[in-house]
């Protein structure tokens, strides 16, 4: 029986894409993934993730990646509350990965607060009916999802590095990172707009604009 794992990387940052990754293996090969030392990508250093990504790719039958650009995220999120629409977009993207890999069973790391609902949303977008196991922290529970999380994170890191080479150092891209906020503030002050690599539907950007404009009023 063929099984797949699906996970994301880059859901929260204000800069850069969201990556969805899936890996497909024969069920008896899952133990070999575990022997490689796969686990939630967030718990692994970058060099270890990169090494594991190569080993995972050589072990699995197939892998598939979907990249959701900031523009694609904004187009959906602007139409409804961010969390609800982001969950919808992830369900659609994960369904496209599963459709490509065609497993009999798919393990997914649930984005929705109600994991079963997230699984149903994915299943409803497929042309066939595999078993969907949708759980929180699936990337920590199932090695097949851990493997997907590693591929997603490595690809996200690669894309972010490409963006840094174009726009300069901007930190992690998360709104909690002072370097990221300073980069965005400086860019806006200089250009009166934000770069195309940002998610404009995130409140972070409006907060930056408000601070800058209020500062100008105080100075005036």
Foldseek 3Di string as FASTA:
>chain_A
DKEKEKEWPDLFFQFAKIKIKMFIADPVCQVVLVVLVFFAQVVDDLVSLVVSLVVRCVRTPDMDMDIQALVNLQVQCVVDPNLVSSLLVVLLVVLVRCQVRVGLEYEYAHSDPDFVVSQVSNQVNHPDHHHYHGYHRVRHVGSNNSNRNSNNHNVRVVRVVVVCVVQNDQPPRHLVDPSNLVSQLVCCVVPVDGDSRGNPSDCSNVVSVVVVVVVVVVVD
